[in-house]
Amino acid sequence: MEILLGQEEANPDKQDNSGRTPLSWAARNGYEGVVKMLLEQREVNPDKPDNKGRTPLSHAAWHGHQGVVKILLRREEVTDKSDTNGRTPLSFTSQNGHEAVVKMLLEREEVSPNKPGNDGQTPFSFASRYGHNKVVALLQSRKVATPSTI
């Protein structure tokens, strides 16, 4: 990675045909070291969406990569951005039952367990639908998630 980043013609924020950047791929696969190296490059946008509107945070949250999520959440410019289907990082991680990532995301005030996607489903409803009881409890602990939002 260091050799590639040292090449003058290398563009560490270049999108592929699906709109994913090297940071998106590293976040999706949980490569914390690569994520850190890429974030040191001033031209890398840590919140750049791909063609489906999914950001590096969305990809890391979806796959439950706690270390990467933690690194990305330290960046002020990383937000709780919805994708083209209205899904947020919290909805992805709630669907997949990643408790630690849910906890990290809920530490941010702007993250809502009741934010619906285009289909009306919320992080709370995804966690309920897939039987992630501990995630449901975490979302309820925010005192804004209620069964009426399912």
C-alpha atoms as a PDB file:
ATOM      1  CA  MET A   1       0.000   0.000   0.000  1.00  0.00           C
ATOM      2  CA  GLU A   2       2.812   2.386   0.861  1.00  0.00           C
ATOM      3  CA  ILE A   3       4.437   1.771  -2.524  1.00  0.00           C
ATOM      4  CA  LEU A   4       1.165   2.409  -4.368  1.00  0.00           C
ATOM      5  CA  LEU A   5       0.455   5.585  -2.430  1.00  0.00           C
ATOM      6  CA  GLY A   6       3.972   6.768  -3.196  1.00  0.00           C
ATOM      7  CA  GLN A   7       3.327   6.672  -6.940  1.00  0.00           C
ATOM      8  CA  GLU A   8       2.704  10.112  -8.397  1.00  0.00           C
ATOM      9  CA  GLU A   9      -0.034   8.848 -10.741  1.00  0.00           C
ATOM     10  CA  ALA A  10      -1.882   6.999  -7.957  1.00  0.00           C
ATOM     11  CA  ASN A  11      -5.273   8.432  -7.063  1.00  0.00           C
ATOM     12  CA  PRO A  12      -6.284   7.026  -3.655  1.00  0.00           C
ATOM     13  CA  ASP A  13      -9.831   8.369  -4.028  1.00  0.00           C
ATOM     14  CA  LYS A  14     -10.544   7.094  -7.563  1.00  0.00           C
ATOM     15  CA  GLN A  15     -13.891   5.368  -7.934  1.00  0.00           C
ATOM     16  CA  ASP A  16     -14.342   2.091  -9.803  1.00  0.00           C
ATOM     17  CA  ASN A  17     -17.331   1.292 -12.069  1.00  0.00           C
ATOM     18  CA  SER A  18     -19.573   0.751  -9.025  1.00  0.00           C
ATOM     19  CA  GLY A  19     -18.428   4.064  -7.543  1.00  0.00           C
ATOM     20  CA  ARG A  20     -16.440   2.412  -4.764  1.00  0.00           C
ATOM     21  CA  THR A  21     -13.145   3.905  -3.708  1.00  0.00           C
ATOM     22  CA  PRO A  22     -10.150   2.108  -2.221  1.00  0.00           C
ATOM     23  CA  LEU A  23     -11.398   3.339   1.169  1.00  0.00           C
ATOM     24  CA  SER A  24     -14.834   1.800   0.575  1.00  0.00           C
ATOM     25  CA  TRP A  25     -13.264  -1.549  -0.287  1.00  0.00           C
ATOM     26  CA  ALA A  26     -10.890  -1.470   2.684  1.00  0.00           C
ATOM     27  CA  ALA A  27     -13.774  -0.542   5.021  1.00  0.00           C
ATOM     28  CA  ARG A  28     -16.010  -3.287   3.580  1.00  0.00           C
ATOM     29  CA  ASN A  29     -13.306  -5.880   4.181  1.00  0.00           C
ATOM     30  CA  GLY A  30     -12.247  -4.640   7.618  1.00  0.00           C
ATOM     31  CA  TYR A  31      -8.663  -3.665   6.746  1.00  0.00           C
ATOM     32  CA  GLU A  32      -7.984  -1.203   9.552  1.00  0.00           C
ATOM     33  CA  GLY A  33      -4.360  -0.541   8.591  1.00  0.00           C
ATOM     34  CA  VAL A  34      -5.279   0.265   5.005  1.00  0.00           C
ATOM     35  CA  VAL A  35      -8.156   2.486   6.170  1.00  0.00           C
ATOM     36  CA  LYS A  36      -5.738   4.447   8.381  1.00  0.00           C
ATOM     37  CA  MET A  37      -3.224   4.845   5.546  1.00  0.00           C
ATOM     38  CA  LEU A  38      -5.856   6.035   3.109  1.00  0.00           C
ATOM     39  CA  LEU A  39      -7.305   8.527   5.586  1.00  0.00           C
ATOM     40  CA  GLU A  40      -3.854  10.100   5.878  1.00  0.00           C
ATOM     41  CA  GLN A  41      -4.128  11.117   2.216  1.00  0.00           C
ATOM     42  CA  ARG A  42      -5.639  14.602   1.997  1.00  0.00           C
ATOM     43  CA  GLU A  43      -7.403  13.838  -1.292  1.00  0.00           C
ATOM     44  CA  VAL A  44      -9.379  10.939   0.232  1.00  0.00           C
ATOM     45  CA  ASN A  45     -12.977  11.764   1.104  1.00  0.00           C
ATOM     46  CA  PRO A  46     -13.914   9.558   4.089  1.00  0.00           C
ATOM     47  CA  ASP A  47     -17.641   9.970   3.407  1.00  0.00           C
ATOM     48  CA  LYS A  48     -17.704   9.521  -0.389  1.00  0.00           C
ATOM     49  CA  PRO A  49     -20.738   7.513  -1.515  1.00  0.00           C
ATOM     50  CA  ASP A  50     -20.638   4.853  -4.214  1.00  0.00           C
ATOM     51  CA  ASN A  51     -23.225   4.530  -7.013  1.00  0.00           C
ATOM     52  CA  LYS A  52     -25.774   3.140  -4.533  1.00  0.00           C
ATOM     53  CA  GLY A  53     -25.100   5.984  -2.098  1.00  0.00           C
ATOM     54  CA  ARG A  54     -23.247   3.730   0.351  1.00  0.00           C
ATOM     55  CA  THR A  55     -20.322   5.282   2.182  1.00  0.00           C
ATOM     56  CA  PRO A  56     -17.273   3.593   3.685  1.00  0.00           C
ATOM     57  CA  LEU A  57     -19.090   3.769   7.049  1.00  0.00           C
ATOM     58  CA  SER A  58     -22.098   1.952   5.561  1.00  0.00           C
ATOM     59  CA  HIS A  59     -19.873  -0.822   4.217  1.00  0.00           C
ATOM     60  CA  ALA A  60     -17.959  -1.233   7.492  1.00  0.00           C
ATOM     61  CA  ALA A  61     -21.153  -1.174   9.573  1.00  0.00           C
ATOM     62  CA  TRP A  62     -22.925  -3.681   7.307  1.00  0.00           C
ATOM     63  CA  HIS A  63     -20.101  -6.186   7.809  1.00  0.00           C
ATOM     64  CA  GLY A  64     -19.626  -5.458  11.516  1.00  0.00           C
ATOM     65  CA  HIS A  65     -16.038  -4.216  11.314  1.00  0.00           C
ATOM     66  CA  GLN A  66     -15.833  -2.518  14.698  1.00  0.00           C
ATOM     67  CA  GLY A  67     -12.273  -1.236  14.326  1.00  0.00           C
ATOM     68  CA  VAL A  68     -12.969   0.398  10.974  1.00  0.00           C
ATOM     69  CA  VAL A  69     -16.237   1.912  12.207  1.00  0.00           C
ATOM     70  CA  LYS A  70     -14.391   3.363  15.197  1.00  0.00           C
ATOM     71  CA  ILE A  71     -11.710   4.884  12.941  1.00  0.00           C
ATOM     72  CA  LEU A  72     -14.284   6.400  10.579  1.00  0.00           C
ATOM     73  CA  LEU A  73     -16.451   7.801  13.388  1.00  0.00           C
ATOM     74  CA  ARG A  74     -13.458   9.787  14.655  1.00  0.00           C
ATOM     75  CA  ARG A  75     -13.721  11.846  11.482  1.00  0.00           C
ATOM     76  CA  GLU A  76     -16.033  14.822  11.771  1.00  0.00           C
ATOM     77  CA  GLU A  77     -16.940  14.701   8.082  1.00  0.00           C
ATOM     78  CA  VAL A  78     -18.259  11.125   8.338  1.00  0.00           C
ATOM     79  CA  THR A  79     -22.036  11.273   8.701  1.00  0.00           C
ATOM     80  CA  ASP A  80     -25.077   9.024   9.086  1.00  0.00           C
ATOM     81  CA  LYS A  81     -25.773   9.321   5.368  1.00  0.00           C
ATOM     82  CA  SER A  82     -28.605   7.349   3.750  1.00  0.00           C
ATOM     83  CA  ASP A  83     -28.016   5.363   0.563  1.00  0.00           C
ATOM     84  CA  THR A  84     -30.281   5.523  -2.513  1.00  0.00           C
ATOM     85  CA  ASN A  85     -32.741   3.177  -0.755  1.00  0.00           C
ATOM     86  CA  GLY A  86     -32.810   5.373   2.337  1.00  0.00           C
ATOM     87  CA  ARG A  87     -30.790   2.825   4.344  1.00  0.00           C
ATOM     88  CA  THR A  88     -28.320   4.113   6.926  1.00  0.00           C
ATOM     89  CA  PRO A  89     -25.236   2.510   8.481  1.00  0.00           C
ATOM     90  CA  LEU A  90     -27.374   1.818  11.573  1.00  0.00           C
ATOM     91  CA  SER A  91     -30.020  -0.007   9.541  1.00  0.00           C
ATOM     92  CA  PHE A  92     -27.386  -2.262   7.937  1.00  0.00           C
ATOM     93  CA  THR A  93     -25.691  -3.158  11.200  1.00  0.00           C
ATOM     94  CA  SER A  94     -29.034  -3.619  12.994  1.00  0.00           C
ATOM     95  CA  GLN A  95     -30.188  -6.044  10.292  1.00  0.00           C
ATOM     96  CA  ASN A  96     -27.027  -8.089  10.750  1.00  0.00           C
ATOM     97  CA  GLY A  97     -27.023  -7.979  14.551  1.00  0.00           C
ATOM     98  CA  HIS A  98     -23.650  -6.301  15.109  1.00  0.00           C
ATOM     99  CA  GLU A  99     -24.201  -5.122  18.694  1.00  0.00           C
ATOM    100  CA  ALA A 100     -20.847  -3.387  19.207  1.00  0.00           C
ATOM    101  CA  VAL A 101     -21.259  -1.372  15.999  1.00  0.00           C
ATOM    102  CA  VAL A 102     -24.834  -0.439  16.962  1.00  0.00           C
ATOM    103  CA  LYS A 103     -23.491   0.887  20.286  1.00  0.00           C
ATOM    104  CA  MET A 104     -20.821   2.963  18.522  1.00  0.00           C
ATOM    105  CA  LEU A 105     -23.275   4.475  16.064  1.00  0.00           C
ATOM    106  CA  LEU A 106     -25.802   5.302  18.776  1.00  0.00           C
ATOM    107  CA  GLU A 107     -23.158   7.396  20.529  1.00  0.00           C
ATOM    108  CA  ARG A 108     -23.679   9.954  17.773  1.00  0.00           C
ATOM    109  CA  GLU A 109     -26.621  12.231  18.445  1.00  0.00           C
ATOM    110  CA  GLU A 110     -27.672  12.463  14.771  1.00  0.00           C
ATOM    111  CA  VAL A 111     -28.061   8.684  14.443  1.00  0.00           C
ATOM    112  CA  SER A 112     -31.716   7.671  14.791  1.00  0.00           C
ATOM    113  CA  PRO A 113     -33.068   4.144  15.361  1.00  0.00           C
ATOM    114  CA  ASN A 114     -36.334   5.361  13.839  1.00  0.00           C
ATOM    115  CA  LYS A 115     -35.035   6.737  10.545  1.00  0.00           C
ATOM    116  CA  PRO A 116     -36.982   4.871   7.862  1.00  0.00           C
ATOM    117  CA  GLY A 117     -35.647   3.770   4.527  1.00  0.00           C
ATOM    118  CA  ASN A 118     -37.609   4.198   1.316  1.00  0.00           C
ATOM    119  CA  ASP A 119     -39.522   1.000   2.159  1.00  0.00           C
ATOM    120  CA  GLY A 120     -40.495   2.373   5.586  1.00  0.00           C
ATOM    121  CA  GLN A 121     -38.293  -0.033   7.539  1.00  0.00           C
ATOM    122  CA  THR A 122     -36.223   1.390  10.389  1.00  0.00           C
ATOM    123  CA  PRO A 123     -33.119   0.049  12.127  1.00  0.00           C
ATOM    124  CA  PHE A 124     -35.488  -0.979  14.933  1.00  0.00           C
ATOM    125  CA  SER A 125     -37.712  -2.938  12.541  1.00  0.00           C
ATOM    126  CA  PHE A 126     -34.727  -4.664  10.897  1.00  0.00           C
ATOM    127  CA  ALA A 127     -33.368  -5.795  14.262  1.00  0.00           C
ATOM    128  CA  SER A 128     -36.820  -7.044  15.265  1.00  0.00           C
ATOM    129  CA  ARG A 129     -37.415  -8.790  11.946  1.00  0.00           C
ATOM    130  CA  TYR A 130     -34.171 -10.737  12.140  1.00  0.00           C
ATOM    131  CA  GLY A 131     -34.494 -11.596  15.832  1.00  0.00           C
ATOM    132  CA  HIS A 132     -31.560  -9.600  17.155  1.00  0.00           C
ATOM    133  CA  ASN A 133     -32.944  -9.152  20.686  1.00  0.00           C
ATOM    134  CA  LYS A 134     -29.843  -7.459  22.089  1.00  0.00           C
ATOM    135  CA  VAL A 135     -29.816  -4.954  19.235  1.00  0.00           C
ATOM    136  CA  VAL A 136     -33.523  -4.259  19.784  1.00  0.00           C
ATOM    137  CA  ALA A 137     -32.744  -3.554  23.464  1.00  0.00           C
ATOM    138  CA  LEU A 138     -29.892  -1.208  22.496  1.00  0.00           C
ATOM    139  CA  LEU A 139     -32.114   0.686  20.093  1.00  0.00           C
ATOM    140  CA  GLN A 140     -34.884   0.935  22.681  1.00  0.00           C
ATOM    141  CA  SER A 141     -32.390   2.310  25.179  1.00  0.00           C
ATOM    142  CA  ARG A 142     -32.250   5.492  23.099  1.00  0.00           C
ATOM    143  CA  LYS A 143     -35.847   6.076  24.306  1.00  0.00           C
ATOM    144  CA  VAL A 144     -36.918   7.040  20.791  1.00  0.00           C
ATOM    145  CA  ALA A 145     -37.382   3.595  19.299  1.00  0.00           C
ATOM    146  CA  THR A 146     -40.831   2.220  19.902  1.00  0.00           C
ATOM    147  CA  PRO A 147     -42.689  -0.826  18.586  1.00  0.00           C
ATOM    148  CA  SER A 148     -45.080   1.518  16.798  1.00  0.00           C
ATOM    149  CA  THR A 149     -42.266   2.414  14.382  1.00  0.00           C
ATOM    150  CA  ILE A 150     -41.914  -1.158  13.116  1.00  0.00           C
END
